[in-house]
């Protein structure tokens, strides 16, 4: 089973890494906000909602049926995408039509040499790590001998809060898009990537707030709905910040956005796989309250990132040879 999980990770890493770049390829810069919002929803609403469903599948049908259903869903999408979606990356299309003159810059170059990509990857990775860390923490808080004593199916239902948060934030995303388009119009049609971080400033504050709230209401003596409400605020902040980061990287790098996003999402995948490995030990040794508080303190350290990008991102982009290439561009560059 471990070998099969490794193979699943190797195969699944490709679409996770490339989807953001594909969205930026298919839609023009000023029209990509909506499609990217849907993509952001799928990656923040999907994981907790899957646990809501899989809890009862495992309880009533056995854990093997979870994998059978996953195989059917992913197999269907594989066939659909393979047969209907052509290559979208501009440089690869050019390679097929002419001698090789363009090449994709390696994601590691952006990851280690570009402050925008580096800090976006750190923040994005931490947030996704928390999502998968909660996969281990929720059964402790809501089940187990020291929790609320819920069964597996009921524990899965507790993730509804984390699923509702992104839905609410998604419903508010048109406000962010309206602000962004207004800033572009004020800038005579030229890109304003920093405007993508407008709502992220508030979203970044929701994350530590919700972590402290969740931690200090995780006592079994406190009604179970209280930490679930806290998780909904976490889900909302998660969606807002992650969507803002994806859009900011796409707008900032344009031609190179697929490579930059690949670096960001690579870190996300690695951290998401790593956090659950120590989650149970951390919560059992520190206690539910202080384990969540530790995560909240780390989240506080990351709060300045959206503020720095919003107020000083223009200066940072001017120092980047790749972002500076599109600094005064009023046209959408091919990816």
Protein backbone atom coordinates (compact mmCIF):
# COMPACT_ATOMS: atom_id res chain seq x y z
CA UNK A 1 0.00 0.00 0.00
CA UNK A 2 2.85 2.40 0.79
CA UNK A 3 4.36 1.79 -2.66
CA UNK A 4 0.98 2.47 -4.28
CA UNK A 5 0.64 5.68 -2.28
CA UNK A 6 4.07 6.72 -3.53
CA UNK A 7 3.00 6.10 -7.11
CA UNK A 8 -0.22 8.02 -6.50
CA UNK A 9 1.80 10.97 -5.20
CA UNK A 10 4.13 10.91 -8.18
CA UNK A 11 1.24 10.83 -10.63
CA UNK A 12 -0.98 13.23 -8.72
CA UNK A 13 1.78 15.78 -8.27
CA UNK A 14 1.73 16.67 -11.97
CA UNK A 15 -1.84 18.04 -12.18
CA UNK A 16 -1.50 19.73 -8.79
CA UNK A 17 1.63 21.51 -9.99
CA UNK A 18 0.42 22.40 -13.47
CA UNK A 19 -3.21 23.39 -12.99
CA UNK A 20 -2.51 26.97 -11.91
CA UNK A 21 -0.26 27.49 -14.93
CA UNK A 22 -2.88 25.96 -17.21
CA UNK A 23 -5.53 28.37 -15.94
CA UNK A 24 -3.19 31.30 -16.59
CA UNK A 25 -2.56 29.96 -20.10
CA UNK A 26 -6.24 29.62 -21.00
CA UNK A 27 -7.52 33.00 -19.78
CA UNK A 28 -6.19 36.52 -20.27
CA UNK A 29 -4.77 38.25 -17.23
CA UNK A 30 -7.78 40.46 -16.51
CA UNK A 31 -10.20 37.56 -17.06
CA UNK A 32 -8.37 34.90 -15.05
CA UNK A 33 -9.68 35.95 -11.63
CA UNK A 34 -12.93 33.98 -11.89
CA UNK A 35 -11.40 30.73 -13.19
CA UNK A 36 -8.60 30.97 -10.64
CA UNK A 37 -11.22 31.47 -7.92
CA UNK A 38 -12.86 28.19 -8.95
CA UNK A 39 -9.46 26.46 -8.95
CA UNK A 40 -8.73 27.87 -5.50
CA UNK A 41 -12.08 26.60 -4.26
CA UNK A 42 -11.40 23.09 -5.53
CA UNK A 43 -8.11 22.91 -3.64
CA UNK A 44 -9.46 24.33 -0.35
CA UNK A 45 -13.06 23.05 -0.30
CA UNK A 46 -12.18 19.64 -1.75
CA UNK A 47 -9.89 18.18 0.96
CA UNK A 48 -12.20 18.78 3.96
CA UNK A 49 -15.31 17.84 1.98
CA UNK A 50 -13.67 14.57 0.95
CA UNK A 51 -13.28 13.70 4.63
CA UNK A 52 -16.94 14.46 5.28
CA UNK A 53 -17.87 11.86 2.67
CA UNK A 54 -15.10 9.32 3.20
CA UNK A 55 -15.80 8.98 6.93
CA UNK A 56 -19.16 7.35 6.31
CA UNK A 57 -17.90 5.41 3.29
CA UNK A 58 -15.22 3.84 5.45
CA UNK A 59 -17.65 3.26 8.31
CA UNK A 60 -20.35 1.57 6.22
CA UNK A 61 -18.52 0.06 3.22
CA UNK A 62 -14.94 -0.38 4.45
CA UNK A 63 -11.83 1.67 3.69
CA UNK A 64 -11.17 -0.13 0.38
CA UNK A 65 -14.24 1.47 -1.17
CA UNK A 66 -12.67 4.88 -0.64
CA UNK A 67 -9.91 3.90 -3.06
CA UNK A 68 -12.34 2.33 -5.55
CA UNK A 69 -14.38 5.51 -5.67
CA UNK A 70 -11.23 7.63 -6.01
CA UNK A 71 -10.09 5.44 -8.89
CA UNK A 72 -13.41 5.91 -10.68
CA UNK A 73 -13.39 9.69 -10.24
CA UNK A 74 -9.75 10.27 -11.17
CA UNK A 75 -9.93 7.77 -14.03
CA UNK A 76 -12.93 9.56 -15.48
CA UNK A 77 -11.22 12.94 -15.30
CA UNK A 78 -8.03 11.48 -16.79
CA UNK A 79 -9.95 10.27 -19.84
CA UNK A 80 -11.82 13.56 -20.16
CA UNK A 81 -8.71 15.75 -19.93
CA UNK A 82 -6.59 13.52 -22.16
CA UNK A 83 -9.17 13.50 -24.93
CA UNK A 84 -10.42 17.08 -24.78
CA UNK A 85 -7.71 19.45 -23.48
CA UNK A 86 -4.83 20.30 -25.86
CA UNK A 87 -1.42 21.65 -24.87
CA UNK A 88 -1.79 25.21 -23.54
CA UNK A 89 1.74 26.37 -22.79
CA UNK A 90 2.84 28.90 -25.41
CA UNK A 91 6.53 27.95 -25.40
CA UNK A 92 5.80 24.26 -25.95
CA UNK A 93 3.45 25.05 -28.83
CA UNK A 94 6.23 27.12 -30.41
CA UNK A 95 8.68 24.24 -29.99
CA UNK A 96 6.37 21.98 -31.92
CA UNK A 97 6.05 24.47 -34.76
CA UNK A 98 9.56 25.88 -35.05
CA UNK A 99 13.19 25.33 -33.98
CA UNK A 100 13.63 25.55 -30.22
CA UNK A 101 14.03 29.20 -29.28
CA UNK A 102 12.01 29.35 -26.08
CA UNK A 103 12.40 27.30 -22.96
CA UNK A 104 10.68 27.06 -19.63
CA UNK A 105 12.76 28.28 -16.74
CA UNK A 106 13.14 25.63 -14.03
CA UNK A 107 10.84 26.08 -11.03
CA UNK A 108 13.79 25.75 -8.63
CA UNK A 109 15.29 28.92 -10.10
CA UNK A 110 12.22 30.91 -9.08
CA UNK A 111 11.86 29.11 -5.79
CA UNK A 112 15.32 29.99 -4.50
CA UNK A 113 16.18 33.18 -6.42
CA UNK A 114 12.90 35.12 -6.32
CA UNK A 115 11.66 36.59 -3.02
CA UNK A 116 8.07 36.70 -4.29
CA UNK A 117 8.08 33.01 -5.13
CA UNK A 118 10.04 32.03 -2.02
CA UNK A 119 7.74 33.74 0.48
CA UNK A 120 4.64 32.73 -1.46
CA UNK A 121 5.83 29.12 -1.32
CA UNK A 122 6.52 29.32 2.43
CA UNK A 123 3.10 30.77 3.22
CA UNK A 124 1.23 28.56 0.77
CA UNK A 125 3.08 25.48 2.01
CA UNK A 126 2.38 26.25 5.67
CA UNK A 127 -1.33 26.71 5.02
CA UNK A 128 -1.67 23.47 3.10
CA UNK A 129 0.36 21.73 5.75
CA UNK A 130 -2.22 22.87 8.29
CA UNK A 131 -5.05 21.45 6.17
CA UNK A 132 -3.51 17.98 6.22
CA UNK A 133 -2.31 18.31 9.80
CA UNK A 134 -5.95 18.75 10.81
CA UNK A 135 -6.64 15.35 9.27
CA UNK A 136 -4.77 13.96 12.28
CA UNK A 137 -5.81 16.59 14.83
CA UNK A 138 -9.58 16.42 14.30
CA UNK A 139 -9.87 12.71 15.25
CA UNK A 140 -8.04 13.53 18.50
CA UNK A 141 -10.18 16.55 19.34
CA UNK A 142 -13.55 15.15 18.28
CA UNK A 143 -12.96 11.43 18.86
CA UNK A 144 -10.67 9.48 21.13
CA UNK A 145 -10.74 9.10 24.90
CA UNK A 146 -9.95 12.77 25.59
CA UNK A 147 -12.18 14.24 22.89
CA UNK A 148 -15.90 14.31 22.22
CA UNK A 149 -16.13 10.57 21.52
CA UNK A 150 -17.43 10.82 17.96
CA UNK A 151 -17.22 7.82 15.62
CA UNK A 152 -15.37 7.97 12.28
CA UNK A 153 -18.39 9.20 10.34
CA UNK A 154 -19.15 11.92 12.87
CA UNK A 155 -15.50 12.97 12.92
CA UNK A 156 -15.71 13.44 9.16
CA UNK A 157 -18.77 15.67 9.57
CA UNK A 158 -16.69 17.94 11.80
CA UNK A 159 -14.76 18.99 8.68
CA UNK A 160 -17.90 20.69 7.35
CA UNK A 161 -16.79 23.87 9.09
CA UNK A 162 -13.52 23.92 7.21
CA UNK A 163 -15.46 23.26 3.99
CA UNK A 164 -18.03 26.01 4.56
CA UNK A 165 -15.34 28.67 5.10
CA UNK A 166 -13.96 28.51 1.53
CA UNK A 167 -17.51 28.58 0.14
CA UNK A 168 -18.25 31.83 1.97
CA UNK A 169 -14.93 33.32 0.87
CA UNK A 170 -15.60 32.21 -2.71
CA UNK A 171 -18.93 34.04 -2.62
CA UNK A 172 -17.02 37.19 -1.61
CA UNK A 173 -14.33 36.81 -4.29
CA UNK A 174 -16.18 39.12 -6.77
CA UNK A 175 -15.41 41.98 -4.36
CA UNK A 176 -11.71 41.24 -4.73
CA UNK A 177 -12.02 40.99 -8.51
CA UNK A 178 -13.92 44.28 -8.71
CA UNK A 179 -11.22 46.04 -6.69
CA UNK A 180 -8.50 44.56 -8.89
CA UNK A 181 -10.15 45.64 -12.16
CA UNK A 182 -10.70 49.14 -10.79
CA UNK A 183 -7.01 49.42 -9.94
CA UNK A 184 -6.06 48.22 -13.43
CA UNK A 185 -8.37 50.82 -14.98
CA UNK A 186 -6.82 53.54 -12.81
CA UNK A 187 -3.38 52.37 -13.99
CA UNK A 188 -4.38 52.83 -17.66
CA UNK A 189 -4.77 49.12 -18.30
CA UNK A 190 -1.37 48.13 -16.94
CA UNK A 191 -1.08 45.21 -14.55
CA UNK A 192 -1.32 45.86 -10.81
CA UNK A 193 -0.43 42.50 -9.23
CA UNK A 194 -0.35 44.04 -5.75
CA UNK A 195 -4.10 44.65 -5.98
CA UNK A 196 -4.54 40.88 -5.84
CA UNK A 197 -3.47 41.00 -2.17
CA UNK A 198 -6.24 43.37 -1.10
CA UNK A 199 -8.39 40.79 0.72
CA UNK A 200 -5.39 38.66 1.72
CA UNK A 201 -4.51 41.19 4.41
CA UNK A 202 -7.72 40.36 6.26
CA UNK A 203 -7.50 36.68 5.40
CA UNK A 204 -4.05 36.43 6.92
CA UNK A 205 -5.42 37.72 10.23
CA UNK A 206 -8.21 35.13 10.26
CA UNK A 207 -5.73 32.26 10.24
CA UNK A 208 -3.95 32.80 13.60
CA UNK A 209 -7.21 34.01 15.16
CA UNK A 210 -8.97 30.78 14.17
CA UNK A 211 -6.07 28.60 15.31
CA UNK A 212 -6.08 30.10 18.81
CA UNK A 213 -9.87 29.90 18.87
CA UNK A 214 -9.80 26.25 17.82
CA UNK A 215 -7.07 25.34 20.29
CA UNK A 216 -8.55 26.91 23.40
CA UNK A 217 -12.06 25.60 22.73
CA UNK A 218 -10.95 22.03 22.04
CA UNK A 219 -11.65 20.95 25.63
CA UNK A 220 -14.22 18.16 25.77
CA UNK A 221 -16.17 20.34 28.23
CA UNK A 222 -16.74 22.95 25.49
CA UNK A 223 -19.54 22.26 23.03
CA UNK A 224 -18.22 20.66 19.85
CA UNK A 225 -19.74 23.31 17.58
CA UNK A 226 -17.40 26.01 18.93
CA UNK A 227 -14.11 24.62 17.49
CA UNK A 228 -15.98 23.72 14.29
CA UNK A 229 -17.01 27.36 13.89
CA UNK A 230 -13.36 28.30 14.44
CA UNK A 231 -12.36 25.93 11.64
CA UNK A 232 -14.80 27.69 9.28
CA UNK A 233 -12.95 30.97 9.83
CA UNK A 234 -9.70 29.12 9.17
CA UNK A 235 -11.16 27.78 5.91
CA UNK A 236 -12.18 31.28 4.83
CA UNK A 237 -8.74 32.73 5.58
CA UNK A 238 -7.10 29.77 3.88
CA UNK A 239 -9.05 30.32 0.66
CA UNK A 240 -8.52 34.08 0.58
CA UNK A 241 -4.76 33.93 1.12
CA UNK A 242 -4.10 31.02 -1.21
CA UNK A 243 -6.17 32.51 -4.04
CA UNK A 244 -4.41 35.86 -3.61
CA UNK A 245 -0.99 34.22 -3.74
CA UNK A 246 -1.81 32.27 -6.90
CA UNK A 247 -3.17 35.35 -8.66
CA UNK A 248 -0.26 37.51 -7.51
CA UNK A 249 2.33 35.09 -8.85
CA UNK A 250 0.47 34.76 -12.17
CA UNK A 251 0.14 38.53 -12.62
CA UNK A 252 3.67 39.26 -11.45
CA UNK A 253 5.47 36.83 -13.75
CA UNK A 254 3.03 36.41 -16.66
CA UNK A 255 5.21 34.64 -19.27
CA UNK A 256 7.02 32.73 -16.53
CA UNK A 257 4.01 32.22 -14.28
CA UNK A 258 3.72 28.47 -14.91
CA UNK A 259 7.32 27.93 -13.77
CA UNK A 260 6.90 30.23 -10.77
CA UNK A 261 3.65 28.54 -9.73
CA UNK A 262 5.26 25.13 -10.10
CA UNK A 263 7.84 26.13 -7.50
CA UNK A 264 5.17 27.41 -5.12
CA UNK A 265 3.03 24.30 -5.43
CA UNK A 266 6.02 21.96 -5.18
CA UNK A 267 6.62 23.25 -1.65
CA UNK A 268 2.90 22.96 -0.92
CA UNK A 269 2.88 19.30 -1.88
CA UNK A 270 5.98 18.46 0.16
CA UNK A 271 4.81 20.27 3.29
CA UNK A 272 1.29 18.87 2.94
CA UNK A 273 2.74 15.37 2.97
CA UNK A 274 5.11 16.13 5.86
CA UNK A 275 2.89 17.85 8.43
CA UNK A 276 0.66 14.83 9.20
CA UNK A 277 3.76 12.81 10.13
CA UNK A 278 4.22 14.73 13.39
CA UNK A 279 0.69 16.03 14.03
CA UNK A 280 -0.46 13.29 16.40
CA UNK A 281 2.75 13.37 18.45
CA UNK A 282 2.64 17.17 18.70
CA UNK A 283 -0.98 17.28 19.86
CA UNK A 284 -0.48 14.48 22.37
CA UNK A 285 2.71 15.92 23.89
CA UNK A 286 1.85 19.62 23.91
CA UNK A 287 -1.86 19.18 24.48
CA UNK A 288 -4.57 20.24 22.07
CA UNK A 289 -4.56 23.84 23.26
CA UNK A 290 -0.84 24.55 23.07
CA UNK A 291 -0.30 22.55 19.88
CA UNK A 292 -2.83 24.74 18.07
CA UNK A 293 -1.37 27.82 19.76
CA UNK A 294 2.10 26.95 18.47
CA UNK A 295 0.66 26.86 14.96
CA UNK A 296 -1.08 30.16 15.66
CA UNK A 297 2.20 31.81 16.68
CA UNK A 298 3.83 30.61 13.45
CA UNK A 299 0.86 31.96 11.50
CA UNK A 300 1.38 35.36 13.17
CA UNK A 301 4.96 35.41 11.87
CA UNK A 302 3.60 34.96 8.33
CA UNK A 303 0.89 37.65 8.58
CA UNK A 304 3.19 40.43 7.24
CA UNK A 305 3.70 38.68 3.88
CA UNK A 306 0.43 39.86 2.24
CA UNK A 307 0.93 43.35 3.67
CA UNK A 308 4.48 43.56 2.29
CA UNK A 309 3.32 42.35 -1.12
CA UNK A 310 0.41 44.81 -1.12
CA UNK A 311 2.39 47.90 -0.12
CA UNK A 312 5.94 47.08 -1.32
CA UNK A 313 5.42 44.44 -3.98
CA UNK A 314 6.08 46.90 -6.78
CA UNK A 315 9.56 47.59 -5.43
CA UNK A 316 10.26 43.87 -5.09
CA UNK A 317 9.13 43.18 -8.66
CA UNK A 318 11.37 45.92 -10.02
CA UNK A 319 14.38 44.02 -8.65
CA UNK A 320 13.40 40.81 -10.42
CA UNK A 321 14.67 40.36 -14.00
CA UNK A 322 11.64 38.20 -14.85
CA UNK A 323 8.91 40.21 -13.14
CA UNK A 324 10.42 43.51 -14.36
CA UNK A 325 10.03 42.29 -17.94
CA UNK A 326 6.26 42.80 -17.64
CA UNK A 327 6.31 45.75 -15.26
CA UNK A 328 4.64 48.29 -17.55
CA UNK A 329 2.81 45.82 -19.74
CA UNK A 330 -0.79 46.60 -20.63
CA UNK A 331 -1.18 43.43 -22.69
CA UNK A 332 -1.48 39.86 -21.57
CA UNK A 333 1.73 38.01 -22.38
CA UNK A 334 1.57 34.46 -23.70
CA UNK A 335 2.58 31.77 -21.25
